[in-house]
Amino acid sequence: MSRSRFQIDDVVFDARRAICFSSERVLAVADLHLGYAWAHRLSGHLMPITPPSDTLARLQELQSDYEPREIVVLGDIVHRAMAVAILEEEIRELFDALSSRSQLTFLAGNHDRDLQSLHNQWSLPVQLAPSRSVGKYLLVHGDTVLCSSHERGRPEAA
């Protein structure tokens, strides 16, 4: 195991901002914030001027390393849901690049409040869900309060 990874049982914590549930072959990543610069510019801010995002390359590298059956994006897929072509292109590019080798699941986060309406408008080929169970874990974005899962016999939040 490299120094950029830490493993507990079959859960691998990767320094590239990912968690792999090895026995389930599920890779979880969070907070992509696609369209970050565009959201700020449309709000009248000239900053941030940032280099091109490495998000897609990082996810492709993780996909290659772990060969997951499914990739779950744990919310904040976008920085702000807005009907601009460049954001739709970024989401489609992400889907096109990853979906041939892994199922994609998007979980809604606090920055994704209006993403469902854009999702419907753009007819995106991936579903937006509130949570996803993986073995004994419940994957969520984490910006809302959950009821105690132990009392109901439900999976733990991860």
Foldseek 3Di string as FASTA:
>chain_A
DDPQWDDDDQWICGVLQWIANQVQLEIEHEQPAPCVCVVCVVVVDNDDPDDDDCVLVSVLVVCVVSLGQEYEYAENNHQADDPDPRRVVVVVVSCVSPVVRHAYEYEHDPRCPPVVVVCVVSVDPYDYHQWDDDVLEIEHNPPDDDDDCVVVVGHHYD
